[in-house]
Amino acid sequence: MIKETLGELAWGVLAIILFLWWIGGPGVTAIIWSDGDRLLAVQFLALWAGVTTLYLTASWLIRRARHS
């Protein structure tokens, strides 16, 4: 019981850290690369979100194909 709870807590903390990295890393990069151009920063973040979505969808489909 305690081992399962600690395992779930560890996964939760890892998920929070990865989420913050996913938002913070590209956000900081977009601000630095855009040199204050707000539209360019938003476009970079949109590209990052699109690539991430495509990657996650492809990995899910590959995993699903392997299990069937």
PDB file of N, CA and C in Angstrom:
ATOM      1  N   MET A   1       0.829  -1.198   0.000  1.00  0.00           N
ATOM      2  CA  MET A   1       0.000   0.000   0.000  1.00  0.00           C
ATOM      3  C   MET A   1       0.873   1.260   0.000  1.00  0.00           C
ATOM      4  N   ILE A   2       1.825   1.332   0.897  1.00  0.00           N
ATOM      5  CA  ILE A   2       2.688   2.512   0.966  1.00  0.00           C
ATOM      6  C   ILE A   2       3.581   2.586  -0.267  1.00  0.00           C
ATOM      7  N   LYS A   3       4.076   1.422  -0.710  1.00  0.00           N
ATOM      8  CA  LYS A   3       4.937   1.387  -1.889  1.00  0.00           C
ATOM      9  C   LYS A   3       4.178   1.875  -3.126  1.00  0.00           C
ATOM     10  N   GLU A   4       2.921   1.466  -3.277  1.00  0.00           N
ATOM     11  CA  GLU A   4       2.112   1.906  -4.407  1.00  0.00           C
ATOM     12  C   GLU A   4       1.851   3.413  -4.347  1.00  0.00           C
ATOM     13  N   THR A   5       1.564   3.905  -3.157  1.00  0.00           N
ATOM     14  CA  THR A   5       1.299   5.336  -2.984  1.00  0.00           C
ATOM     15  C   THR A   5       2.541   6.158  -3.314  1.00  0.00           C
ATOM     16  N   LEU A   6       3.706   5.700  -2.831  1.00  0.00           N
ATOM     17  CA  LEU A   6       4.943   6.416  -3.127  1.00  0.00           C
ATOM     18  C   LEU A   6       5.261   6.370  -4.622  1.00  0.00           C
ATOM     19  N   GLY A   7       4.958   5.238  -5.267  1.00  0.00           N
ATOM     20  CA  GLY A   7       5.171   5.137  -6.705  1.00  0.00           C
ATOM     21  C   GLY A   7       4.298   6.110  -7.472  1.00  0.00           C
ATOM     22  N   GLU A   8       3.033   6.208  -7.072  1.00  0.00           N
ATOM     23  CA  GLU A   8       2.121   7.157  -7.730  1.00  0.00           C
ATOM     24  C   GLU A   8       2.545   8.593  -7.461  1.00  0.00           C
ATOM     25  N   LEU A   9       3.016   8.868  -6.258  1.00  0.00           N
ATOM     26  CA  LEU A   9       3.490  10.206  -5.925  1.00  0.00           C
ATOM     27  C   LEU A   9       4.716  10.566  -6.760  1.00  0.00           C
ATOM     28  N   ALA A  10       5.630   9.608  -6.924  1.00  0.00           N
ATOM     29  CA  ALA A  10       6.823   9.852  -7.738  1.00  0.00           C
ATOM     30  C   ALA A  10       6.442  10.144  -9.183  1.00  0.00           C
ATOM     31  N   TRP A  11       5.498   9.386  -9.745  1.00  0.00           N
ATOM     32  CA  TRP A  11       5.045   9.638 -11.118  1.00  0.00           C
ATOM     33  C   TRP A  11       4.378  11.006 -11.228  1.00  0.00           C
ATOM     34  N   GLY A  12       3.628  11.389 -10.202  1.00  0.00           N
ATOM     35  CA  GLY A  12       2.981  12.701 -10.207  1.00  0.00           C
ATOM     36  C   GLY A  12       3.994  13.832 -10.206  1.00  0.00           C
ATOM     37  N   VAL A  13       5.020  13.704  -9.377  1.00  0.00           N
ATOM     38  CA  VAL A  13       6.066  14.729  -9.318  1.00  0.00           C
ATOM     39  C   VAL A  13       6.814  14.789 -10.652  1.00  0.00           C
ATOM     40  N   LEU A  14       7.126  13.623 -11.223  1.00  0.00           N
ATOM     41  CA  LEU A  14       7.806  13.580 -12.511  1.00  0.00           C
ATOM     42  C   LEU A  14       6.950  14.233 -13.602  1.00  0.00           C
ATOM     43  N   ALA A  15       5.655  13.960 -13.574  1.00  0.00           N
ATOM     44  CA  ALA A  15       4.752  14.564 -14.559  1.00  0.00           C
ATOM     45  C   ALA A  15       4.730  16.085 -14.432  1.00  0.00           C
ATOM     46  N   ILE A  16       4.716  16.588 -13.223  1.00  0.00           N
ATOM     47  CA  ILE A  16       4.720  18.042 -13.003  1.00  0.00           C
ATOM     48  C   ILE A  16       6.018  18.659 -13.509  1.00  0.00           C
ATOM     49  N   ILE A  17       7.142  17.998 -13.213  1.00  0.00           N
ATOM     50  CA  ILE A  17       8.445  18.508 -13.674  1.00  0.00           C
ATOM     51  C   ILE A  17       8.510  18.513 -15.193  1.00  0.00           C
ATOM     52  N   LEU A  18       8.057  17.438 -15.827  1.00  0.00           N
ATOM     53  CA  LEU A  18       8.073  17.382 -17.290  1.00  0.00           C
ATOM     54  C   LEU A  18       7.142  18.422 -17.904  1.00  0.00           C
ATOM     55  N   PHE A  19       5.988  18.636 -17.287  1.00  0.00           N
ATOM     56  CA  PHE A  19       5.055  19.644 -17.788  1.00  0.00           C
ATOM     57  C   PHE A  19       5.675  21.038 -17.695  1.00  0.00           C
ATOM     58  N   LEU A  20       6.305  21.336 -16.580  1.00  0.00           N
ATOM     59  CA  LEU A  20       6.942  22.646 -16.432  1.00  0.00           C
ATOM     60  C   LEU A  20       8.089  22.821 -17.420  1.00  0.00           C
ATOM     61  N   TRP A  21       8.841  21.741 -17.672  1.00  0.00           N
ATOM     62  CA  TRP A  21       9.912  21.816 -18.657  1.00  0.00           C
ATOM     63  C   TRP A  21       9.335  22.015 -20.050  1.00  0.00           C
ATOM     64  N   TRP A  22       8.232  21.326 -20.350  1.00  0.00           N
ATOM     65  CA  TRP A  22       7.625  21.424 -21.671  1.00  0.00           C
ATOM     66  C   TRP A  22       7.132  22.845 -21.936  1.00  0.00           C
ATOM     67  N   ILE A  23       6.593  23.489 -20.912  1.00  0.00           N
ATOM     68  CA  ILE A  23       6.117  24.865 -21.070  1.00  0.00           C
ATOM     69  C   ILE A  23       7.277  25.859 -20.952  1.00  0.00           C
ATOM     70  N   GLY A  24       8.102  25.709 -19.942  1.00  0.00           N
ATOM     71  CA  GLY A  24       9.153  26.685 -19.646  1.00  0.00           C
ATOM     72  C   GLY A  24      10.287  26.708 -20.644  1.00  0.00           C
ATOM     73  N   GLY A  25      10.762  25.533 -21.049  1.00  0.00           N
ATOM     74  CA  GLY A  25      11.889  25.473 -21.973  1.00  0.00           C
ATOM     75  C   GLY A  25      11.609  26.188 -23.288  1.00  0.00           C
ATOM     76  N   PRO A  26      10.570  25.810 -24.002  1.00  0.00           N
ATOM     77  CA  PRO A  26      10.263  26.503 -25.253  1.00  0.00           C
ATOM     78  C   PRO A  26       9.837  27.958 -25.041  1.00  0.00           C
ATOM     79  N   GLY A  27       9.195  28.224 -23.913  1.00  0.00           N
ATOM     80  CA  GLY A  27       8.779  29.600 -23.634  1.00  0.00           C
ATOM     81  C   GLY A  27       9.972  30.535 -23.523  1.00  0.00           C
ATOM     82  N   VAL A  28      10.974  30.103 -22.776  1.00  0.00           N
ATOM     83  CA  VAL A  28      12.192  30.906 -22.627  1.00  0.00           C
ATOM     84  C   VAL A  28      12.911  31.017 -23.969  1.00  0.00           C
ATOM     85  N   THR A  29      12.988  29.908 -24.696  1.00  0.00           N
ATOM     86  CA  THR A  29      13.633  29.922 -26.006  1.00  0.00           C
ATOM     87  C   THR A  29      12.911  30.877 -26.955  1.00  0.00           C
ATOM     88  N   ALA A  30      11.584  30.845 -26.951  1.00  0.00           N
ATOM     89  CA  ALA A  30      10.811  31.731 -27.829  1.00  0.00           C
ATOM     90  C   ALA A  30      11.061  33.194 -27.497  1.00  0.00           C
ATOM     91  N   ILE A  31      11.139  33.510 -26.223  1.00  0.00           N
ATOM     92  CA  ILE A  31      11.379  34.902 -25.820  1.00  0.00           C
ATOM     93  C   ILE A  31      12.761  35.352 -26.255  1.00  0.00           C
ATOM     94  N   ILE A  32      13.763  34.476 -26.077  1.00  0.00           N
ATOM     95  CA  ILE A  32      15.133  34.850 -26.438  1.00  0.00           C
ATOM     96  C   ILE A  32      15.280  34.991 -27.951  1.00  0.00           C
ATOM     97  N   TRP A  33      14.778  34.022 -28.706  1.00  0.00           N
ATOM     98  CA  TRP A  33      14.933  34.040 -30.156  1.00  0.00           C
ATOM     99  C   TRP A  33      14.127  35.135 -30.837  1.00  0.00           C
ATOM    100  N   SER A  34      12.999  35.513 -30.249  1.00  0.00           N
ATOM    101  CA  SER A  34      12.127  36.472 -30.919  1.00  0.00           C
ATOM    102  C   SER A  34      12.611  37.910 -30.789  1.00  0.00           C
ATOM    103  N   ASP A  35      13.535  38.180 -29.896  1.00  0.00           N
ATOM    104  CA  ASP A  35      14.037  39.544 -29.663  1.00  0.00           C
ATOM    105  C   ASP A  35      12.907  40.536 -29.421  1.00  0.00           C
ATOM    106  N   GLY A  36      11.909  40.118 -28.668  1.00  0.00           N
ATOM    107  CA  GLY A  36      10.809  41.010 -28.313  1.00  0.00           C
ATOM    108  C   GLY A  36       9.649  40.984 -29.292  1.00  0.00           C
ATOM    109  N   ASP A  37       9.758  40.265 -30.389  1.00  0.00           N
ATOM    110  CA  ASP A  37       8.670  40.163 -31.355  1.00  0.00           C
ATOM    111  C   ASP A  37       7.654  39.150 -30.848  1.00  0.00           C
ATOM    112  N   ARG A  38       6.541  39.645 -30.403  1.00  0.00           N
ATOM    113  CA  ARG A  38       5.529  38.790 -29.765  1.00  0.00           C
ATOM    114  C   ARG A  38       4.944  37.758 -30.737  1.00  0.00           C
ATOM    115  N   LEU A  39       4.689  38.153 -31.966  1.00  0.00           N
ATOM    116  CA  LEU A  39       4.119  37.248 -32.955  1.00  0.00           C
ATOM    117  C   LEU A  39       5.072  36.079 -33.241  1.00  0.00           C
ATOM    118  N   LEU A  40       6.352  36.364 -33.372  1.00  0.00           N
ATOM    119  CA  LEU A  40       7.338  35.318 -33.618  1.00  0.00           C
ATOM    120  C   LEU A  40       7.408  34.347 -32.441  1.00  0.00           C
ATOM    121  N   ALA A  41       7.328  34.850 -31.220  1.00  0.00           N
ATOM    122  CA  ALA A  41       7.358  33.991 -30.035  1.00  0.00           C
ATOM    123  C   ALA A  41       6.139  33.070 -30.008  1.00  0.00           C
ATOM    124  N   VAL A  42       4.972  33.607 -30.329  1.00  0.00           N
ATOM    125  CA  VAL A  42       3.749  32.792 -30.342  1.00  0.00           C
ATOM    126  C   VAL A  42       3.815  31.750 -31.451  1.00  0.00           C
ATOM    127  N   GLN A  43       4.370  32.121 -32.598  1.00  0.00           N
ATOM    128  CA  GLN A  43       4.515  31.164 -33.696  1.00  0.00           C
ATOM    129  C   GLN A  43       5.458  30.027 -33.304  1.00  0.00           C
ATOM    130  N   PHE A  44       6.530  30.347 -32.616  1.00  0.00           N
ATOM    131  CA  PHE A  44       7.459  29.313 -32.160  1.00  0.00           C
ATOM    132  C   PHE A  44       6.773  28.363 -31.187  1.00  0.00           C
ATOM    133  N   LEU A  45       6.005  28.905 -30.259  1.00  0.00           N
ATOM    134  CA  LEU A  45       5.293  28.057 -29.299  1.00  0.00           C
ATOM    135  C   LEU A  45       4.235  27.204 -29.988  1.00  0.00           C
ATOM    136  N   ALA A  46       3.574  27.754 -31.006  1.00  0.00           N
ATOM    137  CA  ALA A  46       2.587  26.979 -31.756  1.00  0.00           C
ATOM    138  C   ALA A  46       3.267  25.836 -32.504  1.00  0.00           C
ATOM    139  N   LEU A  47       4.416  26.101 -33.076  1.00  0.00           N
ATOM    140  CA  LEU A  47       5.178  25.053 -33.760  1.00  0.00           C
ATOM    141  C   LEU A  47       5.585  23.967 -32.772  1.00  0.00           C
ATOM    142  N   TRP A  48       6.064  24.374 -31.601  1.00  0.00           N
ATOM    143  CA  TRP A  48       6.454  23.416 -30.557  1.00  0.00           C
ATOM    144  C   TRP A  48       5.258  22.544 -30.155  1.00  0.00           C
ATOM    145  N   ALA A  49       4.113  23.154 -29.975  1.00  0.00           N
ATOM    146  CA  ALA A  49       2.915  22.391 -29.591  1.00  0.00           C
ATOM    147  C   ALA A  49       2.511  21.430 -30.702  1.00  0.00           C
ATOM    148  N   GLY A  50       2.598  21.862 -31.950  1.00  0.00           N
ATOM    149  CA  GLY A  50       2.244  20.996 -33.074  1.00  0.00           C
ATOM    150  C   GLY A  50       3.181  19.802 -33.195  1.00  0.00           C
ATOM    151  N   VAL A  51       4.472  20.041 -33.085  1.00  0.00           N
ATOM    152  CA  VAL A  51       5.452  18.950 -33.163  1.00  0.00           C
ATOM    153  C   VAL A  51       5.248  17.972 -32.012  1.00  0.00           C
ATOM    154  N   THR A  52       5.003  18.491 -30.816  1.00  0.00           N
ATOM    155  CA  THR A  52       4.774  17.629 -29.659  1.00  0.00           C
ATOM    156  C   THR A  52       3.523  16.784 -29.855  1.00  0.00           C
ATOM    157  N   THR A  53       2.469  17.381 -30.365  1.00  0.00           N
ATOM    158  CA  THR A  53       1.229  16.647 -30.614  1.00  0.00           C
ATOM    159  C   THR A  53       1.439  15.540 -31.632  1.00  0.00           C
ATOM    160  N   LEU A  54       2.138  15.855 -32.714  1.00  0.00           N
ATOM    161  CA  LEU A  54       2.424  14.838 -33.726  1.00  0.00           C
ATOM    162  C   LEU A  54       3.274  13.701 -33.156  1.00  0.00           C
ATOM    163  N   TYR A  55       4.269  14.045 -32.355  1.00  0.00           N
ATOM    164  CA  TYR A  55       5.131  13.026 -31.747  1.00  0.00           C
ATOM    165  C   TYR A  55       4.334  12.117 -30.818  1.00  0.00           C
ATOM    166  N   LEU A  56       3.538  12.712 -29.956  1.00  0.00           N
ATOM    167  CA  LEU A  56       2.763  11.909 -29.003  1.00  0.00           C
ATOM    168  C   LEU A  56       1.746  11.026 -29.714  1.00  0.00           C
ATOM    169  N   THR A  57       1.123  11.550 -30.765  1.00  0.00           N
ATOM    170  CA  THR A  57       0.162  10.759 -31.529  1.00  0.00           C
ATOM    171  C   THR A  57       0.866   9.596 -32.231  1.00  0.00           C
ATOM    172  N   ALA A  58       1.996   9.870 -32.853  1.00  0.00           N
ATOM    173  CA  ALA A  58       2.742   8.817 -33.549  1.00  0.00           C
ATOM    174  C   ALA A  58       3.224   7.752 -32.572  1.00  0.00           C
ATOM    175  N   SER A  59       3.735   8.156 -31.424  1.00  0.00           N
ATOM    176  CA  SER A  59       4.219   7.165 -30.458  1.00  0.00           C
ATOM    177  C   SER A  59       3.066   6.322 -29.921  1.00  0.00           C
ATOM    178  N   TRP A  60       1.906   6.934 -29.729  1.00  0.00           N
ATOM    179  CA  TRP A  60       0.733   6.185 -29.262  1.00  0.00           C
ATOM    180  C   TRP A  60       0.298   5.169 -30.318  1.00  0.00           C
ATOM    181  N   LEU A  61       0.271   5.590 -31.584  1.00  0.00           N
ATOM    182  CA  LEU A  61      -0.119   4.680 -32.660  1.00  0.00           C
ATOM    183  C   LEU A  61       0.874   3.527 -32.820  1.00  0.00           C
ATOM    184  N   ILE A  62       2.162   3.822 -32.691  1.00  0.00           N
ATOM    185  CA  ILE A  62       3.177   2.771 -32.793  1.00  0.00           C
ATOM    186  C   ILE A  62       3.032   1.781 -31.642  1.00  0.00           C
ATOM    187  N   ARG A  63       2.855   2.294 -30.435  1.00  0.00           N
ATOM    188  CA  ARG A  63       2.657   1.408 -29.276  1.00  0.00           C
ATOM    189  C   ARG A  63       1.429   0.540 -29.448  1.00  0.00           C
ATOM    190  N   ARG A  64       0.377   1.138 -29.943  1.00  0.00           N
ATOM    191  CA  ARG A  64      -0.889   0.400 -30.150  1.00  0.00           C
ATOM    192  C   ARG A  64      -0.710  -0.687 -31.219  1.00  0.00           C
ATOM    193  N   ALA A  65       0.028  -0.362 -32.279  1.00  0.00           N
ATOM    194  CA  ALA A  65       0.269  -1.340 -33.337  1.00  0.00           C
ATOM    195  C   ALA A  65       1.130  -2.507 -32.841  1.00  0.00           C
ATOM    196  N   ARG A  66       2.088  -2.219 -31.983  1.00  0.00           N
ATOM    197  CA  ARG A  66       2.958  -3.285 -31.442  1.00  0.00           C
ATOM    198  C   ARG A  66       2.206  -4.228 -30.526  1.00  0.00           C
ATOM    199  N   HIS A  67       1.249  -3.695 -29.783  1.00  0.00           N
ATOM    200  CA  HIS A  67       0.496  -4.535 -28.826  1.00  0.00           C
ATOM    201  C   HIS A  67      -0.596  -5.369 -29.485  1.00  0.00           C
ATOM    202  N   SER A  68      -0.966  -5.011 -30.716  1.00  0.00           N
ATOM    203  CA  SER A  68      -2.050  -5.781 -31.347  1.00  0.00           C
ATOM    204  C   SER A  68      -1.533  -6.840 -32.301  1.00  0.00           C
TER     205      SER A  68
END
